[in-house]
Every structure is written in C-alpha cells, then in structure tokens.
Protein backbone atom coordinates (compact mmCIF):
# COMPACT_ATOMS: atom_id res chain seq x y z
CA UNK A 1 -6.14 2.00 -6.23
CA UNK A 2 -4.62 -1.22 -4.12
CA UNK A 3 -1.30 -1.45 -2.83
CA UNK A 4 -0.16 -5.07 -3.98
CA UNK A 5 3.22 -6.90 -3.37
CA UNK A 6 3.91 -10.57 -5.03
CA UNK A 7 6.64 -12.29 -3.42
CA UNK A 8 6.78 -15.71 -4.97
CA UNK A 9 10.03 -16.60 -2.66
CA UNK A 10 11.16 -19.43 -5.20
CA UNK A 11 14.36 -20.20 -3.21
CA UNK A 12 12.42 -21.14 -0.29
CA UNK A 13 11.08 -24.28 -0.83
CA UNK A 14 11.34 -28.16 -0.13
CA UNK A 15 10.67 -30.80 -2.42
CA UNK A 16 6.62 -32.46 -1.84
CA UNK A 17 5.60 -29.56 0.93
CA UNK A 18 2.58 -27.48 0.28
CA UNK A 19 3.91 -24.41 1.46
CA UNK A 20 5.91 -24.04 -1.55
CA UNK A 21 6.01 -21.49 -4.42
CA UNK A 22 3.66 -23.51 -6.42
CA UNK A 23 1.18 -21.99 -4.28
CA UNK A 24 1.96 -18.63 -6.60
CA UNK A 25 1.19 -20.56 -10.04
CA UNK A 26 -1.75 -18.80 -11.03
CA UNK A 27 -1.35 -15.48 -9.83
CA UNK A 28 0.13 -14.38 -12.98
CA UNK A 29 -3.63 -13.59 -13.50
CA UNK A 30 -3.52 -10.58 -11.13
CA UNK A 31 -0.98 -8.87 -13.79
CA UNK A 32 -3.43 -8.89 -15.98
CA UNK A 33 -6.42 -6.17 -17.33
CA UNK A 34 -8.91 -5.76 -16.11
CA UNK A 35 -7.79 -6.20 -12.57
CA UNK A 36 -4.32 -4.93 -12.76
CA UNK A 37 -5.87 -1.65 -13.83
CA UNK A 38 -6.66 -1.27 -10.24
CA UNK A 39 -3.58 -2.63 -8.44
CA UNK A 40 -0.70 -0.30 -7.80
CA UNK A 41 2.47 -3.17 -7.86
CA UNK A 42 4.91 -2.52 -5.05
CA UNK A 43 8.36 -3.45 -5.49
CA UNK A 44 9.56 -6.28 -2.85
CA UNK A 45 12.11 -5.24 -0.02
CA UNK A 46 13.89 -6.83 2.62
CA UNK A 47 12.74 -5.53 6.19
CA UNK A 48 15.45 -4.12 8.56
CA UNK A 49 15.54 -6.05 11.44
CA UNK A 50 14.37 -2.68 13.99
CA UNK A 51 10.19 -3.49 12.95
CA UNK A 52 11.44 -7.21 13.34
CA UNK A 53 12.80 -7.45 16.79
CA UNK A 54 9.84 -5.43 18.07
CA UNK A 55 7.70 -8.98 17.16
CA UNK A 56 10.72 -11.57 17.78
CA UNK A 57 13.66 -12.07 20.05
CA UNK A 58 17.01 -11.35 18.99
CA UNK A 59 18.34 -14.84 19.65
CA UNK A 60 15.19 -16.28 17.70
CA UNK A 61 16.43 -14.07 14.61
CA UNK A 62 19.81 -14.92 15.04
CA UNK A 63 19.37 -18.91 15.52
CA UNK A 64 16.91 -18.67 12.34
CA UNK A 65 19.91 -16.61 10.44
CA UNK A 66 22.21 -19.52 11.21
CA UNK A 67 20.14 -22.55 10.44
CA UNK A 68 19.95 -20.86 6.85
CA UNK A 69 23.84 -20.09 7.04
CA UNK A 70 24.16 -23.62 7.69
CA UNK A 71 22.24 -25.15 4.84
CA UNK A 72 18.90 -25.20 6.56
CA UNK A 73 16.94 -27.88 7.88
CA UNK A 74 13.21 -28.33 10.05
CA UNK A 75 12.48 -25.82 12.87
CA UNK A 76 9.93 -27.66 14.52
CA UNK A 77 8.50 -30.79 14.56
CA UNK A 78 8.85 -31.57 11.04
CA UNK A 79 6.26 -29.38 9.14
CA UNK A 80 8.28 -25.68 8.83
CA UNK A 81 11.18 -25.75 7.07
CA UNK A 82 14.34 -23.86 6.43
CA UNK A 83 16.87 -23.48 3.28
CA UNK A 84 19.61 -21.25 2.43
CA UNK A 85 17.44 -18.59 1.19
CA UNK A 86 14.73 -18.73 3.86
CA UNK A 87 16.17 -16.05 6.04
CA UNK A 88 16.43 -13.51 3.10
CA UNK A 89 12.63 -15.20 2.21
CA UNK A 90 11.74 -14.21 5.35
CA UNK A 91 12.94 -10.77 5.74
CA UNK A 92 11.38 -10.14 2.57
CA UNK A 93 7.85 -11.20 3.48
CA UNK A 94 7.95 -9.15 6.32
CA UNK A 95 9.54 -6.11 4.73
CA UNK A 96 7.16 -5.97 1.65
CA UNK A 97 4.20 -6.71 3.68
CA UNK A 98 5.78 -3.28 5.71
CA UNK A 99 5.66 -1.39 1.82
CA UNK A 100 2.54 -2.46 1.42
CA UNK A 101 1.05 -1.08 5.05
CA UNK A 102 3.07 2.60 4.04
CA UNK A 103 1.01 2.30 0.91
CA UNK A 104 -2.19 2.01 3.23
CA UNK A 105 -1.21 4.29 5.46
CA UNK A 106 -0.47 7.23 3.13
CA UNK A 107 -2.75 6.18 0.28
CA UNK A 108 -5.77 8.21 -0.89
CA UNK A 109 -7.43 4.78 -1.56
CA UNK A 110 -5.88 2.94 1.64
CA UNK A 111 -6.42 -0.66 0.69
CA UNK A 112 -3.51 -2.96 0.13
CA UNK A 113 -2.93 -6.80 -0.02
CA UNK A 114 0.76 -8.05 0.80
CA UNK A 115 1.03 -11.43 -1.46
CA UNK A 116 3.84 -13.00 0.62
CA UNK A 117 5.06 -16.13 1.54
CA UNK A 118 6.19 -17.75 4.21
CA UNK A 119 3.65 -16.99 6.04
CA UNK A 120 3.38 -15.66 9.51
CA UNK A 121 0.49 -16.27 11.68
CA UNK A 122 1.76 -19.26 13.64
CA UNK A 123 5.47 -17.84 14.45
CA UNK A 124 5.86 -17.03 18.06
CA UNK A 125 8.09 -14.48 19.52
CA UNK A 126 10.59 -17.23 19.83
CA UNK A 127 9.38 -19.84 17.72
CA UNK A 128 9.12 -21.04 14.15
CA UNK A 129 5.96 -22.91 14.05
CA UNK A 130 3.19 -24.10 11.01
CA UNK A 131 5.36 -23.26 8.14
CA UNK A 132 5.73 -19.56 9.54
CA UNK A 133 8.56 -17.93 10.02
CA UNK A 134 7.85 -14.38 10.84
CA UNK A 135 5.20 -12.83 12.17
CA UNK A 136 4.49 -10.83 9.40
CA UNK A 137 1.18 -9.49 10.31
CA UNK A 138 1.82 -8.85 13.93
CA UNK A 139 5.34 -7.11 12.91
CA UNK A 140 2.89 -4.77 10.54
CA UNK A 141 0.91 -4.03 13.57
CA UNK A 142 3.39 -3.04 15.50
CA UNK A 143 4.92 -0.87 12.81
CA UNK A 144 1.28 0.85 12.51
CA UNK A 145 1.43 1.90 16.12
CA UNK A 146 5.12 2.98 15.78
CA UNK A 147 4.20 5.28 13.32
CA UNK A 148 1.29 6.59 15.94
CA UNK A 149 -1.82 4.55 15.36
CA UNK A 150 -3.16 3.35 18.66
CA UNK A 151 -6.21 0.86 17.94
CA UNK A 152 -5.52 -2.17 15.48
CA UNK A 153 -7.91 -5.02 14.72
CA UNK A 154 -6.38 -7.73 13.31
CA UNK A 155 -9.33 -10.16 11.98
CA UNK A 156 -7.96 -13.51 11.54
CA UNK A 157 -10.18 -16.03 8.45
CA UNK A 158 -7.31 -18.66 8.07
CA UNK A 159 -8.77 -22.25 8.85
CA UNK A 160 -6.21 -22.56 11.25
CA UNK A 161 -5.71 -20.30 14.60
CA UNK A 162 -3.33 -17.87 14.59
CA UNK A 163 -1.46 -18.95 17.95
CA UNK A 164 1.23 -16.73 17.48
CA UNK A 165 0.01 -13.72 16.76
CA UNK A 166 -2.33 -14.24 19.72
CA UNK A 167 0.17 -15.19 22.09
CA UNK A 168 2.39 -11.89 20.71
CA UNK A 169 -0.88 -9.72 21.90
CA UNK A 170 -2.58 -11.71 24.03
CA UNK A 171 -1.99 -8.91 26.98
CA UNK A 172 -2.15 -6.18 24.78
CA UNK A 173 -5.63 -3.81 24.96
CA UNK A 174 -4.56 -2.04 21.94
CA UNK A 175 -4.55 -4.97 19.65
CA UNK A 176 -8.20 -6.47 19.12
CA UNK A 177 -7.40 -10.33 17.75
CA UNK A 178 -10.51 -12.03 16.13
CA UNK A 179 -9.62 -15.63 14.61
CA UNK A 180 -12.36 -17.81 13.14
CA UNK A 181 -10.74 -21.36 12.23
CA UNK A 182 -12.04 -25.20 12.10
CA UNK A 183 -11.65 -26.60 15.63
CA UNK A 184 -9.56 -29.36 16.52
CA UNK A 185 -7.19 -29.15 13.80
CA UNK A 186 -3.51 -27.79 14.01
CA UNK A 187 -2.12 -25.97 16.45
CA UNK A 188 -5.27 -27.11 18.69
CA UNK A 189 -5.37 -23.88 20.67
CA UNK A 190 -8.43 -21.21 20.18
CA UNK A 191 -10.84 -22.57 22.51
CA UNK A 192 -13.92 -19.92 22.47
CA UNK A 193 -13.33 -19.00 26.08
CA UNK A 194 -9.80 -18.25 25.28
CA UNK A 195 -10.11 -14.47 25.65
CA UNK A 196 -6.59 -13.19 26.53
CA UNK A 197 -5.11 -12.61 29.76
CA UNK A 198 -4.14 -9.59 32.11
CA UNK A 199 -4.34 -6.00 30.70
CA UNK A 200 -5.41 -8.23 27.38
CA UNK A 201 -8.32 -9.70 28.76
CA UNK A 202 -11.28 -9.81 26.64
CA UNK A 203 -8.84 -8.36 23.77
CA UNK A 204 -8.69 -11.95 22.02
CA UNK A 205 -11.66 -13.44 20.16
CA UNK A 206 -11.54 -16.89 19.45
CA UNK A 207 -14.39 -18.79 17.03
CA UNK A 208 -13.54 -22.10 16.75
CA UNK A 209 -15.86 -23.79 14.15
CA UNK A 210 -17.19 -27.24 13.20
CA UNK A 211 -16.25 -28.49 9.94
CA UNK A 212 -18.06 -27.60 6.91
CA UNK A 213 -19.45 -24.25 8.83
CA UNK A 214 -19.97 -22.68 5.16
CA UNK A 215 -20.58 -19.57 4.14
CA UNK A 216 -23.73 -18.75 5.92
CA UNK A 217 -21.92 -19.17 9.43
CA UNK A 218 -19.53 -16.46 8.63
CA UNK A 219 -22.38 -14.33 7.86
CA UNK A 220 -23.59 -14.70 11.83
CA UNK A 221 -20.43 -14.29 12.95
CA UNK A 222 -19.93 -10.98 10.83
CA UNK A 223 -23.21 -9.75 12.25
CA UNK A 224 -23.34 -10.83 15.65
CA UNK A 225 -19.78 -10.99 17.01
CA UNK A 226 -17.44 -9.44 14.69
CA UNK A 227 -19.37 -5.99 13.77
CA UNK A 228 -20.31 -5.07 17.17
CA UNK A 229 -16.86 -6.00 18.98
CA UNK A 230 -15.12 -3.75 15.97
CA UNK A 231 -17.78 -0.97 16.94
CA UNK A 232 -16.85 -1.27 20.61
CA UNK A 233 -13.01 -1.54 20.23
CA UNK A 234 -13.01 1.65 17.21
CA UNK A 235 -10.07 0.45 15.54
CA UNK A 236 -7.46 2.87 13.38
CA UNK A 237 -6.82 0.23 11.08
CA UNK A 238 -7.88 -3.15 10.02
CA UNK A 239 -5.14 -5.66 9.29
CA UNK A 240 -6.53 -9.27 8.14
CA UNK A 241 -4.31 -12.50 8.35
CA UNK A 242 -5.83 -13.87 4.75
CA UNK A 243 -5.73 -17.63 4.89
CA UNK A 244 -7.78 -19.14 2.18
CA UNK A 245 -7.46 -22.90 3.28
CA UNK A 246 -11.26 -22.71 4.94
CA UNK A 247 -11.77 -23.22 1.03
CA UNK A 248 -14.21 -26.25 1.07
CA UNK A 249 -11.31 -27.85 -1.44
CA UNK A 250 -8.57 -27.36 -0.14
CA UNK A 251 -6.41 -30.34 0.72
CA UNK A 252 -5.49 -29.25 4.80
CA UNK A 253 -9.12 -28.59 6.21
CA UNK A 254 -12.23 -28.79 5.63
CA UNK A 255 -14.75 -25.48 6.72
CA UNK A 256 -16.55 -25.24 3.56
CA UNK A 257 -16.10 -21.86 2.49
CA UNK A 258 -16.34 -20.84 -1.27
CA UNK A 259 -15.11 -17.71 -3.64
CA UNK A 260 -18.04 -16.22 -3.32
CA UNK A 261 -18.10 -16.44 0.45
CA UNK A 262 -14.58 -15.06 0.58
CA UNK A 263 -16.02 -12.10 -1.88
CA UNK A 264 -19.03 -11.16 0.93
CA UNK A 265 -16.14 -11.56 3.83
CA UNK A 266 -14.17 -9.00 2.19
CA UNK A 267 -16.91 -6.83 1.49
CA UNK A 268 -17.82 -6.75 5.43
CA UNK A 269 -14.16 -6.03 5.83
CA UNK A 270 -14.46 -3.17 3.90
CA UNK A 271 -17.41 -1.85 6.20
CA UNK A 272 -15.82 -2.00 9.31
CA UNK A 273 -12.26 -0.07 7.63
CA UNK A 274 -14.74 2.48 6.07
CA UNK A 275 -17.34 2.76 9.80
CA UNK A 276 -14.29 2.92 11.97
CA UNK A 277 -10.74 3.31 10.49
CA UNK A 278 -10.40 5.79 7.46
CA UNK A 279 -10.66 2.69 5.47
CA UNK A 280 -7.55 1.62 5.94
CA UNK A 281 -7.52 -1.77 5.32
CA UNK A 282 -4.28 -4.32 4.54
CA UNK A 283 -4.59 -8.26 3.70
CA UNK A 284 -1.47 -10.32 4.38
CA UNK A 285 -1.57 -13.98 2.98
CA UNK A 286 -1.24 -17.13 5.19
CA UNK A 287 -2.81 -20.27 4.10
CA UNK A 288 -4.33 -21.45 1.09
CA UNK A 289 -2.90 -24.60 -0.49
CA UNK A 290 -4.56 -25.65 -3.89
CA UNK A 291 -3.11 -23.30 -6.39
CA UNK A 292 -6.12 -22.80 -8.49
CA UNK A 293 -8.44 -22.29 -5.60
CA UNK A 294 -5.92 -19.80 -4.01
CA UNK A 295 -6.01 -17.48 -6.99
CA UNK A 296 -9.35 -17.55 -7.33
CA UNK A 297 -10.21 -16.57 -4.02
CA UNK A 298 -7.33 -14.05 -3.56
CA UNK A 299 -9.12 -12.73 -7.04
CA UNK A 300 -12.57 -12.45 -5.64
CA UNK A 301 -10.83 -10.63 -2.17
CA UNK A 302 -9.26 -8.18 -5.21
CA UNK A 303 -12.35 -8.08 -7.23
CA UNK A 304 -14.29 -7.02 -3.59
CA UNK A 305 -11.45 -4.32 -3.20
CA UNK A 306 -11.87 -2.96 -6.56
CA UNK A 307 -15.78 -2.78 -6.85
CA UNK A 308 -16.07 -5.53 -9.03
CA UNK A 309 -18.78 -7.75 -9.22
CA UNK A 310 -19.17 -10.95 -7.15
CA UNK A 311 -18.15 -14.40 -8.52
CA UNK A 312 -21.11 -16.44 -9.52
CA UNK A 313 -21.44 -19.16 -6.43
CA UNK A 314 -20.46 -22.80 -7.05
CA UNK A 315 -23.04 -25.02 -8.07
CA UNK A 316 -24.33 -27.51 -6.91
CA UNK A 317 -23.54 -26.60 -3.73
CA UNK A 318 -20.34 -27.93 -2.30
CA UNK A 319 -20.51 -28.33 1.43
CA UNK A 320 -24.19 -29.15 1.89
CA UNK A 321 -26.37 -27.84 4.88
CA UNK A 322 -24.99 -24.88 7.03
CA UNK A 323 -24.44 -26.39 10.23
CA UNK A 324 -25.77 -24.47 13.79
CA UNK A 325 -23.26 -22.31 15.43
CA UNK A 326 -26.19 -20.20 17.59
CA UNK A 327 -24.96 -22.02 20.84
CA UNK A 328 -21.05 -21.05 20.06
CA UNK A 329 -22.46 -17.08 19.36
CA UNK A 330 -24.76 -17.22 22.22
CA UNK A 331 -21.73 -18.45 24.18
CA UNK A 332 -19.29 -15.47 22.85
CA UNK A 333 -21.40 -12.91 22.88
CA UNK A 334 -21.93 -13.31 26.86
CA UNK A 335 -18.36 -13.63 27.45
CA UNK A 336 -17.61 -10.76 25.66
CA UNK A 337 -20.49 -8.70 26.60
CA UNK A 338 -21.96 -8.13 23.30
CA UNK A 339 -25.04 -8.47 24.37
CA UNK A 340 -24.84 -6.02 27.20
CA UNK A 341 -26.88 -2.53 26.21
C-alpha cells in the first residue's frame, strides 16, 4: 500500500491564479479502483509549530499568521498570495506531509505521496516565494532526522529550481539536494556550478536544462549523475519534490517531459530507495498547472509505485528531437568528482 494524503485547501485561492484548488480537479480518479486498492488514505492534519520552527524563523511564521488574520494579501512581488484561510492551509499541507512521512518510516511498504497545496520548495527560512508558504519537503527532512535518520536525499524534478530548499540545506552535508530544472526561468537560481557552501559544499547538485530537454535527458541524468551521487551518499530516506510543470504542455514552462517519462523517473527513484534507503520514498507535490495533465502525471507516479504497467507514450512525440546535454553532464561529473575511480 502507498500512503497518500490529498489536501485540496479550498480556502487558499485567488481568482485567476494558477496555484488554486482547480489543480486538483481530476484527483477523484485516485479514490476509485483499481488504483485506490493500492492506496492507504491518511487524514489531513495541521502541523504543530515545533517541526516548522526547525526550518522557518519564528518571526516569519508570526508574520504569515498575522497577514492571514488581517485578511491576506500578496507576500512577495505579486505571485505569492495569502487569504484568511492560508495560514491554516499551510499548516495542514505541512502536517499532512508529516503524516505521510510517518507512514513511510513505519510501514512495511514504505512509499508515500503527499498531494498537498500550497507547495513549498521556493519558501526560504524567512520568506514566501513562488506560490510557496512553508517548505513542506524541508520540514519533512528535518523531522526524519529528528527521528534518528542521518542522511536524507532530496530529488527535485519541478521545472523551477527549489531555491528555498537549497538555501535551507546549502551548508548541511547530511542532506544531498539534487535539482533538475529549466535554465533561465524563475527564480533564476540553480546554476550548474552552484554546489552549496561551507561544510555543505558538494551536497547541492544543480542540473539546469535547455527547453524541451525531454525524457531522454532525464534518463542520462539518472545514469550519469543521480545514481552515482546517491551511491556515494547512501541516503537513509529519499524525498522527492514532485513538480509536474516540466510536462510538455504545462502553461508555465516547456521542458518537454511526458507522462511515460514521469513513470520512468519514478521507477528510477524507486531503485535508489530500494538500493540505499530500505525502500523509504516520499513524494511531495510541488508544481503542475494543467489540471488534466497533473492528474495524468501524478497517476503515472502512483502507477509506478503500485507496479502497474507504464502508460503508453504520447504519439506523435510532442517535443521533437532530444536536446544534447552531454557537455552539461561532463561539467557536472567533473565538478562533483563523479569521474573519479
């Protein structure tokens, strides 16, 4: 069984904004057989402040609560909003993520997916950014370490760089952060040679990709960068910032992944978790802004976790010829010592 929590957060919404409850429009399919037969649905719950304060400053949490009490508003340059319901929504997204984490850490079938919003990977210690209020995946990583796990691998396949997650862990050698993202788009961070700092240098691996890199690029990335990095790090838990806005038809970017490609990515992450982390694997939803495609692609991840067959590749190919990323991979392998014998 796959631990799963679905948190729609209906009160956290702004008319016309892409990050809204509308994203979950087609998620009803997950509560129907045959997929639902493989899901253990977990109730939504609010997080207490203790796990949140391992990641975010008390001043930020107080300010977030106060702006919601005051009626809401914009929290950054105009794309991250809060409503009167947003503080509770953020606590519930974080708490439900922790609920699924607990399932992953205690179950005989240690897979989980926290289908929660608002998302989190742009939120820094003291600032909301990029539709994100609390950094759900960072909160989960810190909680796992509080429960005695030492080494946590975070793989972020959202189309945007998870600047908040990297900032939180950039000096921490106990968390290996690997991000695939489209180069040159929001938030503008995540250069290939940004590898962390201080004792955490080398524990941030950024893989900025050209538009329409497509499924084949991700196959190469796993084989040449992610697999050997994970083998060297030996994580005890694999967390995934699962953003599906790298899909070829997503309205906010154009990295060119397909639904079958997300299935293959999930299989590779399963392989890492089974090889190094006793199977412990938790996905946490980030982006994905075409509601129908989001459900298809989340469904592909759940299908892979449930050992269902892969979806058929989209025909004809939506992205054309694959892009050559061999030079980027060569630079990354050299920077991170992956060519060393």
